[in-house]
Amino acid sequence: MELKTISEVSKTFNISTRTLRYYEQIGLIDSTKKEGYSYRVYDEKAILSLQQVLILRKLRIPLKQIRDILSSEDAIMAIEVFKQNINQLTDEISALTTIREILNSLVEKLQLQGKLRLKLDLLSDDSILNIVSSLTLQKSNLKEERSMEELNKATESLSTLKNVRIIHLPPYTVASSHYIGENPEENAGNQLEKFLKDSNLYNIKPDARVFGFNHPNPSSERQYYGYELWVTIPEDMEVPAPLKKKHFEGGMYAAHSIIFPNFHEWEWVSNWVNINNPKYEANYAVDGEQCMGGLLEEHLNHVYNSNFDWPKDREQQIDLLFPIKFKTQE
């Protein structure tokens, strides 16, 4: 039986090692430790489970429901989950179809008028209601079977971001927790958590924010990668070892919110910034190889959650922050 290391699985399936560890933590896949391997390894059964998870994620099935499906030997559970999601998608499709048909009707009405000026009564409530009442909503006739290629195309189409926020981060003084080795996010997080508790930071600075980034990035040339976490602190606050006190310059960022561990959506943000963006362009950090190019992950409500001991398995929200600048005028 061929065993694959976590880095091999990460590369093969284009999924972060952090996500793999999270899937293992919540019971979706299993790994083992074998003599002679410095990393955890995955057998054929684990790989098959991962493939099932990835396909179900592309079908927009939530992780909790995926866990229910994989942990049940009875097909009834899968059928029930799929029916629930079909109902939700049907409602969404109906709503979008209604909007599409109204827009098509308005386009036709404008074209028939043949005038450039928009009559005010065209968009009156009565006019819209008349259009809506004449609509015949048709259900899509989908094939019974779809290929993985079609599923991937559908996923790609749904991955185009439309709600990216533009935010400006001010300069901050931060306490930095950095760890290079196995499970760097967890170890850096444990160091930061101790600092938050010992310093009583929430009561000193209740608006404190937490940011993280790879440092250095994962690479096939190195055994381990690192992760660094920053928490904003008062400028005159002392920081105990192993944490370090640093200054963050701030800047402008494209922001997109995710639910942990959907880090594959970094690609969506990158595409939004770098492909056919008429207004903004990337503003990578000079030492980008060492710090994710200046990209940041803001762990929302982290200090608050830590202070009130929220359970670790509660839904975690993260802002993906991509450094940008205005395009120069040629």
C-alpha atoms as a PDB file:
ATOM      1  CA  MET A   1       0.000   0.000   0.000  1.00  0.00           C
ATOM      2  CA  GLU A   2       1.541   3.303  -1.131  1.00  0.00           C
ATOM      3  CA  LEU A   3       1.749   6.004   1.525  1.00  0.00           C
ATOM      4  CA  LYS A   4       1.774   9.696   0.666  1.00  0.00           C
ATOM      5  CA  THR A   5       3.188  12.480   2.828  1.00  0.00           C
ATOM      6  CA  ILE A   6       1.128  15.529   3.707  1.00  0.00           C
ATOM      7  CA  SER A   7       3.171  17.657   1.291  1.00  0.00           C
ATOM      8  CA  GLU A   8       2.619  15.165  -1.548  1.00  0.00           C
ATOM      9  CA  VAL A   9      -1.139  15.115  -0.926  1.00  0.00           C
ATOM     10  CA  SER A  10      -1.185  18.912  -0.683  1.00  0.00           C
ATOM     11  CA  LYS A  11       0.542  19.248  -4.054  1.00  0.00           C
ATOM     12  CA  THR A  12      -1.490  16.514  -5.786  1.00  0.00           C
ATOM     13  CA  PHE A  13      -4.871  17.909  -4.777  1.00  0.00           C
ATOM     14  CA  ASN A  14      -3.908  21.603  -4.648  1.00  0.00           C
ATOM     15  CA  ILE A  15      -5.024  21.903  -1.040  1.00  0.00           C
ATOM     16  CA  SER A  16      -3.130  23.535   1.818  1.00  0.00           C
ATOM     17  CA  THR A  17      -1.540  21.428   4.542  1.00  0.00           C
ATOM     18  CA  ARG A  18      -3.458  23.544   7.053  1.00  0.00           C
ATOM     19  CA  THR A  19      -6.746  22.472   5.461  1.00  0.00           C
ATOM     20  CA  LEU A  20      -5.635  18.833   5.456  1.00  0.00           C
ATOM     21  CA  ARG A  21      -4.864  19.009   9.168  1.00  0.00           C
ATOM     22  CA  TYR A  22      -8.235  20.627   9.827  1.00  0.00           C
ATOM     23  CA  TYR A  23     -10.056  17.906   7.894  1.00  0.00           C
ATOM     24  CA  GLU A  24      -8.245  15.381  10.067  1.00  0.00           C
ATOM     25  CA  GLN A  25      -9.061  17.325  13.236  1.00  0.00           C
ATOM     26  CA  ILE A  26     -12.809  17.255  12.542  1.00  0.00           C
ATOM     27  CA  GLY A  27     -12.768  13.588  11.562  1.00  0.00           C
ATOM     28  CA  LEU A  28     -13.105  13.706   7.769  1.00  0.00           C
ATOM     29  CA  ILE A  29      -9.811  11.913   7.035  1.00  0.00           C
ATOM     30  CA  ASP A  30      -7.212   9.963   9.024  1.00  0.00           C
ATOM     31  CA  SER A  31      -3.434   9.983   8.867  1.00  0.00           C
ATOM     32  CA  THR A  32      -0.746   7.865  10.473  1.00  0.00           C
ATOM     33  CA  LYS A  33       2.802   8.346  11.698  1.00  0.00           C
ATOM     34  CA  LYS A  34       5.272   5.868  10.242  1.00  0.00           C
ATOM     35  CA  GLU A  35       8.878   5.244  11.181  1.00  0.00           C
ATOM     36  CA  GLY A  36      11.199   6.994   8.766  1.00  0.00           C
ATOM     37  CA  TYR A  37       8.649   9.695   7.922  1.00  0.00           C
ATOM     38  CA  SER A  38       9.017  13.119   9.525  1.00  0.00           C
ATOM     39  CA  TYR A  39       5.528  14.080   8.323  1.00  0.00           C
ATOM     40  CA  ARG A  40       2.216  12.381   8.827  1.00  0.00           C
ATOM     41  CA  VAL A  41       1.294  10.067   5.935  1.00  0.00           C
ATOM     42  CA  TYR A  42      -1.956   9.071   4.248  1.00  0.00           C
ATOM     43  CA  ASP A  43      -2.960   5.644   2.965  1.00  0.00           C
ATOM     44  CA  GLU A  44      -5.315   4.765   0.094  1.00  0.00           C
ATOM     45  CA  LYS A  45      -8.389   4.870   2.332  1.00  0.00           C
ATOM     46  CA  ALA A  46      -7.532   8.398   3.507  1.00  0.00           C
ATOM     47  CA  ILE A  47      -6.915   9.523  -0.080  1.00  0.00           C
ATOM     48  CA  LEU A  48     -10.283   8.136  -1.148  1.00  0.00           C
ATOM     49  CA  SER A  49     -11.996   9.939   1.735  1.00  0.00           C
ATOM     50  CA  LEU A  50     -10.242  13.179   0.754  1.00  0.00           C
ATOM     51  CA  GLN A  51     -11.382  12.808  -2.859  1.00  0.00           C
ATOM     52  CA  GLN A  52     -14.961  12.368  -1.645  1.00  0.00           C
ATOM     53  CA  VAL A  53     -14.659  15.461   0.575  1.00  0.00           C
ATOM     54  CA  LEU A  54     -13.307  17.601  -2.277  1.00  0.00           C
ATOM     55  CA  ILE A  55     -16.055  16.533  -4.675  1.00  0.00           C
ATOM     56  CA  LEU A  56     -18.764  17.193  -2.082  1.00  0.00           C
ATOM     57  CA  ARG A  57     -17.240  20.616  -1.371  1.00  0.00           C
ATOM     58  CA  LYS A  58     -17.463  21.408  -5.090  1.00  0.00           C
ATOM     59  CA  LEU A  59     -21.135  20.482  -4.828  1.00  0.00           C
ATOM     60  CA  ARG A  60     -21.363  23.145  -2.082  1.00  0.00           C
ATOM     61  CA  ILE A  61     -22.093  20.667   0.711  1.00  0.00           C
ATOM     62  CA  PRO A  62     -21.081  22.127   4.133  1.00  0.00           C
ATOM     63  CA  LEU A  63     -18.325  20.346   6.060  1.00  0.00           C
ATOM     64  CA  LYS A  64     -20.641  19.369   8.916  1.00  0.00           C
ATOM     65  CA  GLN A  65     -22.971  17.601   6.491  1.00  0.00           C
ATOM     66  CA  ILE A  66     -20.006  15.960   4.732  1.00  0.00           C
ATOM     67  CA  ARG A  67     -18.914  14.553   8.079  1.00  0.00           C
ATOM     68  CA  ASP A  68     -22.434  13.187   8.644  1.00  0.00           C
ATOM     69  CA  ILE A  69     -22.379  11.513   5.217  1.00  0.00           C
ATOM     70  CA  LEU A  70     -18.943   9.925   5.608  1.00  0.00           C
ATOM     71  CA  SER A  71     -19.600   8.729   9.149  1.00  0.00           C
ATOM     72  CA  SER A  72     -22.828   6.959   8.172  1.00  0.00           C
ATOM     73  CA  GLU A  73     -22.925   3.576   6.452  1.00  0.00           C
ATOM     74  CA  ASP A  74     -26.556   4.178   5.504  1.00  0.00           C
ATOM     75  CA  ALA A  75     -27.307   5.922   2.199  1.00  0.00           C
ATOM     76  CA  ILE A  76     -30.363   7.525   3.814  1.00  0.00           C
ATOM     77  CA  MET A  77     -28.132  10.144   5.449  1.00  0.00           C
ATOM     78  CA  ALA A  78     -26.581  11.151   2.100  1.00  0.00           C
ATOM     79  CA  ILE A  79     -30.006  11.260   0.441  1.00  0.00           C
ATOM     80  CA  GLU A  80     -31.386  13.526   3.180  1.00  0.00           C
ATOM     81  CA  VAL A  81     -28.408  15.903   2.970  1.00  0.00           C
ATOM     82  CA  PHE A  82     -28.599  16.071  -0.827  1.00  0.00           C
ATOM     83  CA  LYS A  83     -32.347  16.766  -0.692  1.00  0.00           C
ATOM     84  CA  GLN A  84     -31.805  19.640   1.752  1.00  0.00           C
ATOM     85  CA  ASN A  85     -29.202  21.208  -0.522  1.00  0.00           C
ATOM     86  CA  ILE A  86     -31.330  20.632  -3.640  1.00  0.00           C
ATOM     87  CA  ASN A  87     -34.184  22.546  -1.980  1.00  0.00           C
ATOM     88  CA  GLN A  88     -31.875  25.440  -1.128  1.00  0.00           C
ATOM     89  CA  LEU A  89     -30.444  25.515  -4.659  1.00  0.00           C
ATOM     90  CA  THR A  90     -33.934  25.376  -6.182  1.00  0.00           C
ATOM     91  CA  ASP A  91     -34.944  28.456  -4.195  1.00  0.00           C
ATOM     92  CA  GLU A  92     -31.753  30.239  -5.274  1.00  0.00           C
ATOM     93  CA  ILE A  93     -32.234  29.268  -8.942  1.00  0.00           C
ATOM     94  CA  SER A  94     -35.861  30.441  -8.889  1.00  0.00           C
ATOM     95  CA  ALA A  95     -34.879  33.805  -7.415  1.00  0.00           C
ATOM     96  CA  LEU A  96     -32.076  34.322  -9.954  1.00  0.00           C
ATOM     97  CA  THR A  97     -34.297  33.188 -12.822  1.00  0.00           C
ATOM     98  CA  THR A  98     -36.926  35.743 -11.794  1.00  0.00           C
ATOM     99  CA  ILE A  99     -34.348  38.540 -11.760  1.00  0.00           C
ATOM    100  CA  ARG A 100     -32.938  37.431 -15.122  1.00  0.00           C
ATOM    101  CA  GLU A 101     -36.367  37.326 -16.767  1.00  0.00           C
ATOM    102  CA  ILE A 102     -37.322  40.759 -15.423  1.00  0.00           C
ATOM    103  CA  LEU A 103     -34.079  42.226 -16.790  1.00  0.00           C
ATOM    104  CA  ASN A 104     -34.666  40.550 -20.170  1.00  0.00           C
ATOM    105  CA  SER A 105     -38.183  41.982 -20.293  1.00  0.00           C
ATOM    106  CA  LEU A 106     -36.929  45.476 -19.443  1.00  0.00           C
ATOM    107  CA  VAL A 107     -34.300  45.219 -22.190  1.00  0.00           C
ATOM    108  CA  GLU A 108     -36.952  44.178 -24.724  1.00  0.00           C
ATOM    109  CA  LYS A 109     -39.256  46.996 -23.662  1.00  0.00           C
ATOM    110  CA  LEU A 110     -36.484  49.590 -23.995  1.00  0.00           C
ATOM    111  CA  GLN A 111     -35.463  48.269 -27.397  1.00  0.00           C
ATOM    112  CA  LEU A 112     -39.070  48.436 -28.665  1.00  0.00           C
ATOM    113  CA  GLN A 113     -39.352  52.058 -27.590  1.00  0.00           C
ATOM    114  CA  GLY A 114     -36.273  52.911 -29.618  1.00  0.00           C
ATOM    115  CA  LYS A 115     -35.560  55.966 -27.505  1.00  0.00           C
ATOM    116  CA  LEU A 116     -32.448  56.933 -25.630  1.00  0.00           C
ATOM    117  CA  ARG A 117     -34.255  58.699 -22.798  1.00  0.00           C
ATOM    118  CA  LEU A 118     -35.501  56.463 -20.051  1.00  0.00           C
ATOM    119  CA  LYS A 119     -39.134  57.113 -19.214  1.00  0.00           C
ATOM    120  CA  LEU A 120     -39.678  57.392 -15.485  1.00  0.00           C
ATOM    121  CA  ASP A 121     -42.774  55.213 -15.572  1.00  0.00           C
ATOM    122  CA  LEU A 122     -40.819  52.308 -17.106  1.00  0.00           C
ATOM    123  CA  LEU A 123     -39.418  51.411 -13.690  1.00  0.00           C
ATOM    124  CA  SER A 124     -42.571  52.131 -11.733  1.00  0.00           C
ATOM    125  CA  ASP A 125     -43.931  49.496  -9.392  1.00  0.00           C
ATOM    126  CA  ASP A 126     -46.910  48.803 -11.667  1.00  0.00           C
ATOM    127  CA  SER A 127     -44.655  48.331 -14.679  1.00  0.00           C
ATOM    128  CA  ILE A 128     -42.444  45.872 -12.859  1.00  0.00           C
ATOM    129  CA  LEU A 129     -45.474  44.005 -11.495  1.00  0.00           C
ATOM    130  CA  ASN A 130     -46.963  43.685 -14.978  1.00  0.00           C
ATOM    131  CA  ILE A 131     -43.703  42.212 -16.255  1.00  0.00           C
ATOM    132  CA  VAL A 132     -43.453  39.840 -13.308  1.00  0.00           C
ATOM    133  CA  SER A 133     -47.027  38.635 -13.750  1.00  0.00           C
ATOM    134  CA  SER A 134     -46.344  37.749 -17.387  1.00  0.00           C
ATOM    135  CA  LEU A 135     -43.249  35.695 -16.643  1.00  0.00           C
ATOM    136  CA  THR A 136     -43.189  31.978 -17.257  1.00  0.00           C
ATOM    137  CA  LEU A 137     -40.413  30.553 -15.160  1.00  0.00           C
ATOM    138  CA  GLN A 138     -38.947  27.485 -16.770  1.00  0.00           C
ATOM    139  CA  LYS A 139     -37.027  24.906 -14.842  1.00  0.00           C
ATOM    140  CA  SER A 140     -33.621  24.053 -16.247  1.00  0.00           C
ATOM    141  CA  ASN A 141     -33.465  20.727 -18.035  1.00  0.00           C
ATOM    142  CA  LEU A 142     -30.268  19.282 -16.670  1.00  0.00           C
ATOM    143  CA  LYS A 143     -28.695  16.066 -17.893  1.00  0.00           C
ATOM    144  CA  GLU A 144     -28.938  13.166 -15.506  1.00  0.00           C
ATOM    145  CA  GLU A 145     -25.166  12.829 -15.464  1.00  0.00           C
ATOM    146  CA  ARG A 146     -22.474  15.462 -15.450  1.00  0.00           C
ATOM    147  CA  SER A 147     -18.753  14.954 -15.923  1.00  0.00           C
ATOM    148  CA  MET A 148     -16.042  16.154 -13.544  1.00  0.00           C
ATOM    149  CA  GLU A 149     -14.949  18.556 -16.281  1.00  0.00           C
ATOM    150  CA  GLU A 150     -18.400  20.151 -16.266  1.00  0.00           C
ATOM    151  CA  LEU A 151     -18.402  20.251 -12.462  1.00  0.00           C
ATOM    152  CA  ASN A 152     -14.999  21.974 -12.450  1.00  0.00           C
ATOM    153  CA  LYS A 153     -16.231  24.537 -14.989  1.00  0.00           C
ATOM    154  CA  ALA A 154     -19.322  25.210 -12.891  1.00  0.00           C
ATOM    155  CA  THR A 155     -17.177  25.607  -9.777  1.00  0.00           C
ATOM    156  CA  GLU A 156     -14.860  28.003 -11.607  1.00  0.00           C
ATOM    157  CA  SER A 157     -17.809  30.088 -12.780  1.00  0.00           C
ATOM    158  CA  LEU A 158     -19.224  30.306  -9.248  1.00  0.00           C
ATOM    159  CA  SER A 159     -15.774  31.252  -7.906  1.00  0.00           C
ATOM    160  CA  THR A 160     -15.719  34.677  -9.568  1.00  0.00           C
ATOM    161  CA  LEU A 161     -15.807  37.205  -6.735  1.00  0.00           C
ATOM    162  CA  LYS A 162     -18.287  40.053  -6.940  1.00  0.00           C
ATOM    163  CA  ASN A 163     -18.297  41.415  -3.383  1.00  0.00           C
ATOM    164  CA  VAL A 164     -14.643  42.277  -2.725  1.00  0.00           C
ATOM    165  CA  ARG A 165     -14.255  45.099  -0.202  1.00  0.00           C
ATOM    166  CA  ILE A 166     -11.525  47.739  -0.369  1.00  0.00           C
ATOM    167  CA  ILE A 167     -10.162  48.571   3.091  1.00  0.00           C
ATOM    168  CA  HIS A 168      -7.354  50.686   4.506  1.00  0.00           C
ATOM    169  CA  LEU A 169      -5.405  49.315   7.473  1.00  0.00           C
ATOM    170  CA  PRO A 170      -3.755  51.989   9.645  1.00  0.00           C
ATOM    171  CA  PRO A 171      -0.227  51.591  11.061  1.00  0.00           C
ATOM    172  CA  TYR A 172      -0.085  49.306  14.095  1.00  0.00           C
ATOM    173  CA  THR A 173       2.312  48.253  16.812  1.00  0.00           C
ATOM    174  CA  VAL A 174       2.070  44.467  17.032  1.00  0.00           C
ATOM    175  CA  ALA A 175       3.251  41.542  19.101  1.00  0.00           C
ATOM    176  CA  SER A 176       4.546  38.856  16.751  1.00  0.00           C
ATOM    177  CA  SER A 177       4.386  35.103  17.399  1.00  0.00           C
ATOM    178  CA  HIS A 178       6.413  33.095  14.869  1.00  0.00           C
ATOM    179  CA  TYR A 179       6.977  29.357  14.523  1.00  0.00           C
ATOM    180  CA  ILE A 180       8.734  27.230  11.875  1.00  0.00           C
ATOM    181  CA  GLY A 181       8.160  23.479  11.989  1.00  0.00           C
ATOM    182  CA  GLU A 182       5.345  20.969  11.937  1.00  0.00           C
ATOM    183  CA  ASN A 183       1.898  22.475  12.570  1.00  0.00           C
ATOM    184  CA  PRO A 184       3.248  26.057  12.522  1.00  0.00           C
ATOM    185  CA  GLU A 185      -0.201  27.709  12.679  1.00  0.00           C
ATOM    186  CA  GLU A 186      -1.122  25.739  15.801  1.00  0.00           C
ATOM    187  CA  ASN A 187       2.199  26.344  17.539  1.00  0.00           C
ATOM    188  CA  ALA A 188       2.309  30.053  16.710  1.00  0.00           C
ATOM    189  CA  GLY A 189      -1.301  30.244  17.876  1.00  0.00           C
ATOM    190  CA  ASN A 190      -0.500  28.585  21.204  1.00  0.00           C
ATOM    191  CA  GLN A 191       2.283  31.120  21.853  1.00  0.00           C
ATOM    192  CA  LEU A 192      -0.052  33.985  21.012  1.00  0.00           C
ATOM    193  CA  GLU A 193      -2.867  32.531  23.119  1.00  0.00           C
ATOM    194  CA  LYS A 194      -0.603  32.445  26.185  1.00  0.00           C
ATOM    195  CA  PHE A 195       0.308  36.092  25.631  1.00  0.00           C
ATOM    196  CA  LEU A 196      -3.349  37.106  25.291  1.00  0.00           C
ATOM    197  CA  LYS A 197      -4.221  35.384  28.572  1.00  0.00           C
ATOM    198  CA  ASP A 198      -1.168  36.493  30.547  1.00  0.00           C
ATOM    199  CA  SER A 199      -1.388  40.133  29.412  1.00  0.00           C
ATOM    200  CA  ASN A 200      -5.178  40.397  29.793  1.00  0.00           C
ATOM    201  CA  LEU A 201      -5.039  42.174  26.439  1.00  0.00           C
ATOM    202  CA  TYR A 202      -8.794  42.229  25.792  1.00  0.00           C
ATOM    203  CA  ASN A 203      -9.395  44.455  28.831  1.00  0.00           C
ATOM    204  CA  ILE A 204      -6.441  46.675  27.913  1.00  0.00           C
ATOM    205  CA  LYS A 205      -7.227  46.907  24.203  1.00  0.00           C
ATOM    206  CA  PRO A 206     -10.678  45.435  23.360  1.00  0.00           C
ATOM    207  CA  ASP A 207     -10.320  46.511  19.705  1.00  0.00           C
ATOM    208  CA  ALA A 208      -7.138  44.445  19.231  1.00  0.00           C
ATOM    209  CA  ARG A 209      -6.917  42.657  15.869  1.00  0.00           C
ATOM    210  CA  VAL A 210      -5.070  39.485  14.871  1.00  0.00           C
ATOM    211  CA  PHE A 211      -3.349  38.938  11.504  1.00  0.00           C
ATOM    212  CA  GLY A 212      -1.420  35.944  10.195  1.00  0.00           C
ATOM    213  CA  PHE A 213       0.670  34.879   7.205  1.00  0.00           C
ATOM    214  CA  ASN A 214       3.061  32.166   6.031  1.00  0.00           C
ATOM    215  CA  HIS A 215       6.681  32.877   6.975  1.00  0.00           C
ATOM    216  CA  PRO A 216       8.364  31.343   5.055  1.00  0.00           C
ATOM    217  CA  ASN A 217       5.967  29.975   2.436  1.00  0.00           C
ATOM    218  CA  PRO A 218       5.604  26.212   1.906  1.00  0.00           C
ATOM    219  CA  SER A 219       8.161  24.920  -0.588  1.00  0.00           C
ATOM    220  CA  SER A 220       9.310  21.565  -1.953  1.00  0.00           C
ATOM    221  CA  GLU A 221      12.878  22.703  -1.203  1.00  0.00           C
ATOM    222  CA  ARG A 222      12.393  22.918   2.571  1.00  0.00           C
ATOM    223  CA  GLN A 223      11.107  20.392   5.063  1.00  0.00           C
ATOM    224  CA  TYR A 224       9.039  22.852   7.061  1.00  0.00           C
ATOM    225  CA  TYR A 225       7.311  26.154   6.479  1.00  0.00           C
ATOM    226  CA  GLY A 226       6.392  28.760   9.081  1.00  0.00           C
ATOM    227  CA  TYR A 227       3.481  30.849  10.214  1.00  0.00           C
ATOM    228  CA  GLU A 228       3.550  34.248  11.922  1.00  0.00           C
ATOM    229  CA  LEU A 229       0.725  35.840  13.899  1.00  0.00           C
ATOM    230  CA  TRP A 230       0.415  39.494  14.866  1.00  0.00           C
ATOM    231  CA  VAL A 231      -1.844  40.998  17.481  1.00  0.00           C
ATOM    232  CA  THR A 232      -2.168  44.771  17.692  1.00  0.00           C
ATOM    233  CA  ILE A 233      -1.050  46.212  21.040  1.00  0.00           C
ATOM    234  CA  PRO A 234      -0.598  49.617  22.704  1.00  0.00           C
ATOM    235  CA  GLU A 235       2.629  51.265  21.537  1.00  0.00           C
ATOM    236  CA  ASP A 236       4.172  51.297  25.033  1.00  0.00           C
ATOM    237  CA  MET A 237       3.314  47.676  25.865  1.00  0.00           C
ATOM    238  CA  GLU A 238       6.172  45.278  26.680  1.00  0.00           C
ATOM    239  CA  VAL A 239       6.284  41.949  24.837  1.00  0.00           C
ATOM    240  CA  PRO A 240       7.795  38.821  26.469  1.00  0.00           C
ATOM    241  CA  ALA A 241       9.937  36.276  24.587  1.00  0.00           C
ATOM    242  CA  PRO A 242       9.496  34.351  22.360  1.00  0.00           C
ATOM    243  CA  LEU A 243       7.178  37.036  20.992  1.00  0.00           C
ATOM    244  CA  LYS A 244       8.686  40.126  19.360  1.00  0.00           C
ATOM    245  CA  LYS A 245       7.490  43.701  19.126  1.00  0.00           C
ATOM    246  CA  LYS A 246       7.126  45.006  15.560  1.00  0.00           C
ATOM    247  CA  HIS A 247       5.688  47.923  13.597  1.00  0.00           C
ATOM    248  CA  PHE A 248       3.214  47.422  10.740  1.00  0.00           C
ATOM    249  CA  GLU A 249       2.983  50.218   8.171  1.00  0.00           C
ATOM    250  CA  GLY A 250      -0.609  49.540   7.125  1.00  0.00           C
ATOM    251  CA  GLY A 251      -1.932  50.041   3.606  1.00  0.00           C
ATOM    252  CA  MET A 252      -4.755  49.374   1.172  1.00  0.00           C
ATOM    253  CA  TYR A 253      -6.131  45.859   0.716  1.00  0.00           C
ATOM    254  CA  ALA A 254      -8.725  43.930  -1.239  1.00  0.00           C
ATOM    255  CA  ALA A 255     -10.690  41.978   1.374  1.00  0.00           C
ATOM    256  CA  HIS A 256     -12.755  38.808   1.027  1.00  0.00           C
ATOM    257  CA  SER A 257     -14.304  36.890   3.934  1.00  0.00           C
ATOM    258  CA  ILE A 258     -14.150  33.110   4.228  1.00  0.00           C
ATOM    259  CA  ILE A 259     -15.215  30.475   6.703  1.00  0.00           C
ATOM    260  CA  PHE A 260     -12.268  28.421   7.972  1.00  0.00           C
ATOM    261  CA  PRO A 261     -10.694  26.447   6.294  1.00  0.00           C
ATOM    262  CA  ASN A 262     -11.629  27.655   2.776  1.00  0.00           C
ATOM    263  CA  PHE A 263      -8.130  28.920   1.979  1.00  0.00           C
ATOM    264  CA  HIS A 264      -8.483  27.828  -1.660  1.00  0.00           C
ATOM    265  CA  GLU A 265     -10.392  31.094  -2.048  1.00  0.00           C
ATOM    266  CA  TRP A 266      -7.040  32.902  -1.978  1.00  0.00           C
ATOM    267  CA  GLU A 267      -6.901  32.012  -5.677  1.00  0.00           C
ATOM    268  CA  TRP A 268     -10.224  33.763  -6.235  1.00  0.00           C
ATOM    269  CA  VAL A 269      -8.938  36.949  -4.586  1.00  0.00           C
ATOM    270  CA  SER A 270      -5.711  36.781  -6.585  1.00  0.00           C
ATOM    271  CA  ASN A 271      -7.693  36.451  -9.823  1.00  0.00           C
ATOM    272  CA  TRP A 272      -9.843  39.444  -8.863  1.00  0.00           C
ATOM    273  CA  VAL A 273      -6.755  41.590  -8.315  1.00  0.00           C
ATOM    274  CA  ASN A 274      -4.589  40.383 -11.189  1.00  0.00           C
ATOM    275  CA  ILE A 275      -6.966  39.566 -14.060  1.00  0.00           C
ATOM    276  CA  ASN A 276      -8.605  42.410 -15.975  1.00  0.00           C
ATOM    277  CA  ASN A 277      -8.903  44.736 -13.001  1.00  0.00           C
ATOM    278  CA  PRO A 278      -9.250  48.252 -14.444  1.00  0.00           C
ATOM    279  CA  LYS A 279      -8.589  50.137 -11.214  1.00  0.00           C
ATOM    280  CA  TYR A 280      -6.250  48.198  -8.896  1.00  0.00           C
ATOM    281  CA  GLU A 281      -3.102  46.117  -9.120  1.00  0.00           C
ATOM    282  CA  ALA A 282      -1.090  44.001  -6.691  1.00  0.00           C
ATOM    283  CA  ASN A 283       1.227  45.765  -4.260  1.00  0.00           C
ATOM    284  CA  TYR A 284       3.420  42.871  -3.173  1.00  0.00           C
ATOM    285  CA  ALA A 285       5.907  43.223  -0.313  1.00  0.00           C
ATOM    286  CA  VAL A 286       9.575  43.387  -1.271  1.00  0.00           C
ATOM    287  CA  ASP A 287      10.397  40.303   0.816  1.00  0.00           C
ATOM    288  CA  GLY A 288       7.324  38.519  -0.501  1.00  0.00           C
ATOM    289  CA  GLU A 289       8.950  35.081  -0.563  1.00  0.00           C
ATOM    290  CA  GLN A 290       9.305  35.229   3.199  1.00  0.00           C
ATOM    291  CA  CYS A 291       5.931  36.702   4.127  1.00  0.00           C
ATOM    292  CA  MET A 292       3.303  35.592   1.602  1.00  0.00           C
ATOM    293  CA  GLY A 293       4.008  38.637  -0.570  1.00  0.00           C
ATOM    294  CA  GLY A 294       2.421  40.907   2.017  1.00  0.00           C
ATOM    295  CA  LEU A 295      -0.876  39.003   1.932  1.00  0.00           C
ATOM    296  CA  LEU A 296      -2.572  38.815   5.339  1.00  0.00           C
ATOM    297  CA  GLU A 297      -5.213  36.660   6.997  1.00  0.00           C
ATOM    298  CA  GLU A 298      -7.177  38.545   9.631  1.00  0.00           C
ATOM    299  CA  HIS A 299      -8.600  36.161  12.225  1.00  0.00           C
ATOM    300  CA  LEU A 300     -11.823  38.002  13.021  1.00  0.00           C
ATOM    301  CA  ASN A 301     -12.913  38.323  16.669  1.00  0.00           C
ATOM    302  CA  HIS A 302      -9.882  36.298  17.762  1.00  0.00           C
ATOM    303  CA  VAL A 303      -9.034  38.337  20.887  1.00  0.00           C
ATOM    304  CA  TYR A 304     -12.700  38.484  21.918  1.00  0.00           C
ATOM    305  CA  ASN A 305     -13.149  34.749  21.405  1.00  0.00           C
ATOM    306  CA  SER A 306      -9.974  34.004  23.351  1.00  0.00           C
ATOM    307  CA  ASN A 307     -11.029  36.176  26.278  1.00  0.00           C
ATOM    308  CA  PHE A 308     -14.391  34.424  26.570  1.00  0.00           C
ATOM    309  CA  ASP A 309     -13.036  30.934  25.819  1.00  0.00           C
ATOM    310  CA  TRP A 310     -15.128  30.228  22.750  1.00  0.00           C
ATOM    311  CA  PRO A 311     -14.879  26.550  21.727  1.00  0.00           C
ATOM    312  CA  LYS A 312     -12.225  25.889  19.087  1.00  0.00           C
ATOM    313  CA  ASP A 313     -14.697  24.057  16.853  1.00  0.00           C
ATOM    314  CA  ARG A 314     -17.021  27.033  16.495  1.00  0.00           C
ATOM    315  CA  GLU A 315     -17.278  28.591  13.041  1.00  0.00           C
ATOM    316  CA  GLN A 316     -14.212  30.742  12.439  1.00  0.00           C
ATOM    317  CA  GLN A 317     -14.316  33.725  10.099  1.00  0.00           C
ATOM    318  CA  ILE A 318     -11.210  35.024   8.346  1.00  0.00           C
ATOM    319  CA  ASP A 319     -10.652  38.010   6.071  1.00  0.00           C
ATOM    320  CA  LEU A 320      -8.229  37.342   3.220  1.00  0.00           C
ATOM    321  CA  LEU A 321      -6.368  40.618   2.664  1.00  0.00           C
ATOM    322  CA  PHE A 322      -4.513  41.181  -0.621  1.00  0.00           C
ATOM    323  CA  PRO A 323      -2.266  44.292  -0.768  1.00  0.00           C
ATOM    324  CA  ILE A 324      -3.229  46.563  -3.662  1.00  0.00           C
ATOM    325  CA  LYS A 325      -2.556  50.014  -5.096  1.00  0.00           C
ATOM    326  CA  PHE A 326      -4.161  52.193  -7.726  1.00  0.00           C
ATOM    327  CA  LYS A 327      -2.974  51.547 -11.245  1.00  0.00           C
ATOM    328  CA  THR A 328      -0.691  54.251 -12.564  1.00  0.00           C
ATOM    329  CA  GLN A 329      -2.146  56.369 -15.349  1.00  0.00           C
ATOM    330  CA  GLU A 330      -0.250  55.902 -18.613  1.00  0.00           C
END
